[in-house]
């Protein structure tokens, strides 16, 4: 495996992990704001809710679901603000990564 391919793949993994951390931080911020009585309104509305049996492997409390939660920010209920920020970060970061690793034709001298 070439070093270029190795760093390309690890960069993608780091971007996924960073977006998950960003999403988790936004979720915790929204919970804190609700707890202290700040009205956040529309931003805390869930855009989706996945209803899974607690024994399902993808449930957040089981091994696979918790691993995905920690690694990429997987959740069974995502708020609007979290989805917007996390997807925006992914779009921007992956765009820059693809641009940085774009194969450029060699110039002849």
C-alpha atoms as a PDB file:
ATOM      1  CA  UNK A   1       0.000   0.000   0.000  1.00  0.00           C
ATOM      2  CA  UNK A   2       1.375   3.390  -0.927  1.00  0.00           C
ATOM      3  CA  UNK A   3       1.779   6.120   1.661  1.00  0.00           C
ATOM      4  CA  UNK A   4      -0.480   8.383  -0.374  1.00  0.00           C
ATOM      5  CA  UNK A   5      -3.347   5.891  -0.227  1.00  0.00           C
ATOM      6  CA  UNK A   6      -2.738   5.229   3.490  1.00  0.00           C
ATOM      7  CA  UNK A   7      -2.897   8.926   4.395  1.00  0.00           C
ATOM      8  CA  UNK A   8      -5.903   9.444   2.129  1.00  0.00           C
ATOM      9  CA  UNK A   9      -7.865   6.703   3.899  1.00  0.00           C
ATOM     10  CA  UNK A  10      -6.812   7.792   7.393  1.00  0.00           C
ATOM     11  CA  UNK A  11      -7.734  11.388   6.534  1.00  0.00           C
ATOM     12  CA  UNK A  12     -11.235  10.260   5.594  1.00  0.00           C
ATOM     13  CA  UNK A  13     -11.516   8.360   8.882  1.00  0.00           C
ATOM     14  CA  UNK A  14     -10.331  11.409  10.845  1.00  0.00           C
ATOM     15  CA  UNK A  15     -12.906  13.614   9.128  1.00  0.00           C
ATOM     16  CA  UNK A  16     -15.675  11.138   9.999  1.00  0.00           C
ATOM     17  CA  UNK A  17     -14.559  10.996  13.634  1.00  0.00           C
ATOM     18  CA  UNK A  18     -14.293  14.786  13.847  1.00  0.00           C
ATOM     19  CA  UNK A  19     -17.796  15.218  12.435  1.00  0.00           C
ATOM     20  CA  UNK A  20     -19.090  12.780  15.044  1.00  0.00           C
ATOM     21  CA  UNK A  21     -17.399  14.747  17.810  1.00  0.00           C
ATOM     22  CA  UNK A  22     -18.871  17.967  16.443  1.00  0.00           C
ATOM     23  CA  UNK A  23     -22.335  16.406  16.355  1.00  0.00           C
ATOM     24  CA  UNK A  24     -22.052  15.089  19.896  1.00  0.00           C
ATOM     25  CA  UNK A  25     -20.870  18.485  21.141  1.00  0.00           C
ATOM     26  CA  UNK A  26     -23.810  20.241  19.488  1.00  0.00           C
ATOM     27  CA  UNK A  27     -26.194  17.715  21.032  1.00  0.00           C
ATOM     28  CA  UNK A  28     -24.759  18.315  24.496  1.00  0.00           C
ATOM     29  CA  UNK A  29     -24.909  22.102  24.002  1.00  0.00           C
ATOM     30  CA  UNK A  30     -28.587  21.893  23.030  1.00  0.00           C
ATOM     31  CA  UNK A  31     -29.344  19.747  26.086  1.00  0.00           C
ATOM     32  CA  UNK A  32     -27.532  22.233  28.332  1.00  0.00           C
ATOM     33  CA  UNK A  33     -29.401  25.195  26.865  1.00  0.00           C
ATOM     34  CA  UNK A  34     -32.726  23.436  27.439  1.00  0.00           C
ATOM     35  CA  UNK A  35     -31.695  22.595  31.016  1.00  0.00           C
ATOM     36  CA  UNK A  36     -30.944  26.213  31.916  1.00  0.00           C
ATOM     37  CA  UNK A  37     -34.151  27.403  30.309  1.00  0.00           C
ATOM     38  CA  UNK A  38     -32.941  28.940  27.066  1.00  0.00           C
ATOM     39  CA  UNK A  39     -35.562  28.605  24.331  1.00  0.00           C
ATOM     40  CA  UNK A  40     -33.824  27.136  21.288  1.00  0.00           C
ATOM     41  CA  UNK A  41     -37.007  26.438  19.368  1.00  0.00           C
ATOM     42  CA  UNK A  42     -36.829  24.830  15.947  1.00  0.00           C
ATOM     43  CA  UNK A  43     -33.166  23.805  16.244  1.00  0.00           C
ATOM     44  CA  UNK A  44     -33.895  21.039  18.787  1.00  0.00           C
ATOM     45  CA  UNK A  45     -36.589  19.337  16.717  1.00  0.00           C
ATOM     46  CA  UNK A  46     -35.547  15.870  15.590  1.00  0.00           C
ATOM     47  CA  UNK A  47     -35.258  15.401  11.839  1.00  0.00           C
ATOM     48  CA  UNK A  48     -35.507  11.639  12.264  1.00  0.00           C
ATOM     49  CA  UNK A  49     -36.116   9.070  14.964  1.00  0.00           C
ATOM     50  CA  UNK A  50     -35.065   5.441  14.539  1.00  0.00           C
ATOM     51  CA  UNK A  51     -37.088   3.135  16.749  1.00  0.00           C
ATOM     52  CA  UNK A  52     -35.182  -0.057  17.417  1.00  0.00           C
ATOM     53  CA  UNK A  53     -35.699  -2.823  19.925  1.00  0.00           C
ATOM     54  CA  UNK A  54     -33.070  -2.523  22.712  1.00  0.00           C
ATOM     55  CA  UNK A  55     -31.782  -5.974  21.738  1.00  0.00           C
ATOM     56  CA  UNK A  56     -31.068  -4.875  18.142  1.00  0.00           C
ATOM     57  CA  UNK A  57     -27.312  -4.651  17.373  1.00  0.00           C
ATOM     58  CA  UNK A  58     -27.649  -1.090  16.006  1.00  0.00           C
ATOM     59  CA  UNK A  59     -29.345   0.213  19.147  1.00  0.00           C
ATOM     60  CA  UNK A  60     -27.129   2.877  20.775  1.00  0.00           C
ATOM     61  CA  UNK A  61     -26.759   0.802  23.941  1.00  0.00           C
ATOM     62  CA  UNK A  62     -25.444  -2.324  22.173  1.00  0.00           C
ATOM     63  CA  UNK A  63     -21.919  -3.035  21.024  1.00  0.00           C
ATOM     64  CA  UNK A  64     -22.214  -2.141  17.320  1.00  0.00           C
ATOM     65  CA  UNK A  65     -24.441   0.884  17.880  1.00  0.00           C
ATOM     66  CA  UNK A  66     -22.223   2.282  20.626  1.00  0.00           C
ATOM     67  CA  UNK A  67     -19.123   1.741  18.490  1.00  0.00           C
ATOM     68  CA  UNK A  68     -20.724   3.653  15.605  1.00  0.00           C
ATOM     69  CA  UNK A  69     -21.847   6.360  18.033  1.00  0.00           C
ATOM     70  CA  UNK A  70     -18.303   6.889  19.289  1.00  0.00           C
ATOM     71  CA  UNK A  71     -16.609   6.653  15.890  1.00  0.00           C
ATOM     72  CA  UNK A  72     -18.879   8.588  13.530  1.00  0.00           C
ATOM     73  CA  UNK A  73     -21.608  10.188  15.627  1.00  0.00           C
ATOM     74  CA  UNK A  74     -24.352   7.659  14.886  1.00  0.00           C
ATOM     75  CA  UNK A  75     -27.558   8.469  16.750  1.00  0.00           C
ATOM     76  CA  UNK A  76     -31.125   7.238  16.767  1.00  0.00           C
ATOM     77  CA  UNK A  77     -32.539  10.767  17.104  1.00  0.00           C
ATOM     78  CA  UNK A  78     -30.815  13.714  15.448  1.00  0.00           C
ATOM     79  CA  UNK A  79     -31.692  17.350  16.021  1.00  0.00           C
ATOM     80  CA  UNK A  80     -31.930  19.820  13.141  1.00  0.00           C
ATOM     81  CA  UNK A  81     -28.955  21.957  14.249  1.00  0.00           C
ATOM     82  CA  UNK A  82     -26.773  18.895  14.773  1.00  0.00           C
ATOM     83  CA  UNK A  83     -27.633  17.535  11.333  1.00  0.00           C
ATOM     84  CA  UNK A  84     -26.932  20.863   9.625  1.00  0.00           C
ATOM     85  CA  UNK A  85     -23.577  21.439  11.309  1.00  0.00           C
ATOM     86  CA  UNK A  86     -22.386  17.848  11.010  1.00  0.00           C
ATOM     87  CA  UNK A  87     -23.320  17.514   7.337  1.00  0.00           C
ATOM     88  CA  UNK A  88     -21.881  20.949   6.512  1.00  0.00           C
ATOM     89  CA  UNK A  89     -18.604  20.010   8.153  1.00  0.00           C
ATOM     90  CA  UNK A  90     -18.479  16.729   6.235  1.00  0.00           C
ATOM     91  CA  UNK A  91     -19.194  18.441   2.931  1.00  0.00           C
ATOM     92  CA  UNK A  92     -16.561  21.145   3.412  1.00  0.00           C
ATOM     93  CA  UNK A  93     -13.847  18.898   4.860  1.00  0.00           C
ATOM     94  CA  UNK A  94     -14.291  16.133   2.289  1.00  0.00           C
ATOM     95  CA  UNK A  95     -14.270  18.704  -0.524  1.00  0.00           C
ATOM     96  CA  UNK A  96     -10.942  20.086   0.682  1.00  0.00           C
ATOM     97  CA  UNK A  97      -9.557  16.575   1.120  1.00  0.00           C
ATOM     98  CA  UNK A  98     -10.551  15.494  -2.377  1.00  0.00           C
ATOM     99  CA  UNK A  99      -9.090  18.691  -3.800  1.00  0.00           C
ATOM    100  CA  UNK A 100      -5.825  18.129  -1.913  1.00  0.00           C
ATOM    101  CA  UNK A 101      -5.497  14.549  -3.154  1.00  0.00           C
ATOM    102  CA  UNK A 102      -6.582  15.295  -6.710  1.00  0.00           C
ATOM    103  CA  UNK A 103      -4.156  13.814  -9.208  1.00  0.00           C
ATOM    104  CA  UNK A 104      -2.519  16.604 -11.152  1.00  0.00           C
ATOM    105  CA  UNK A 105      -0.977  15.953 -14.531  1.00  0.00           C
ATOM    106  CA  UNK A 106       2.786  16.263 -14.570  1.00  0.00           C
ATOM    107  CA  UNK A 107       4.174  19.262 -16.359  1.00  0.00           C
ATOM    108  CA  UNK A 108       6.806  18.680 -18.954  1.00  0.00           C
ATOM    109  CA  UNK A 109       9.943  20.708 -18.675  1.00  0.00           C
END
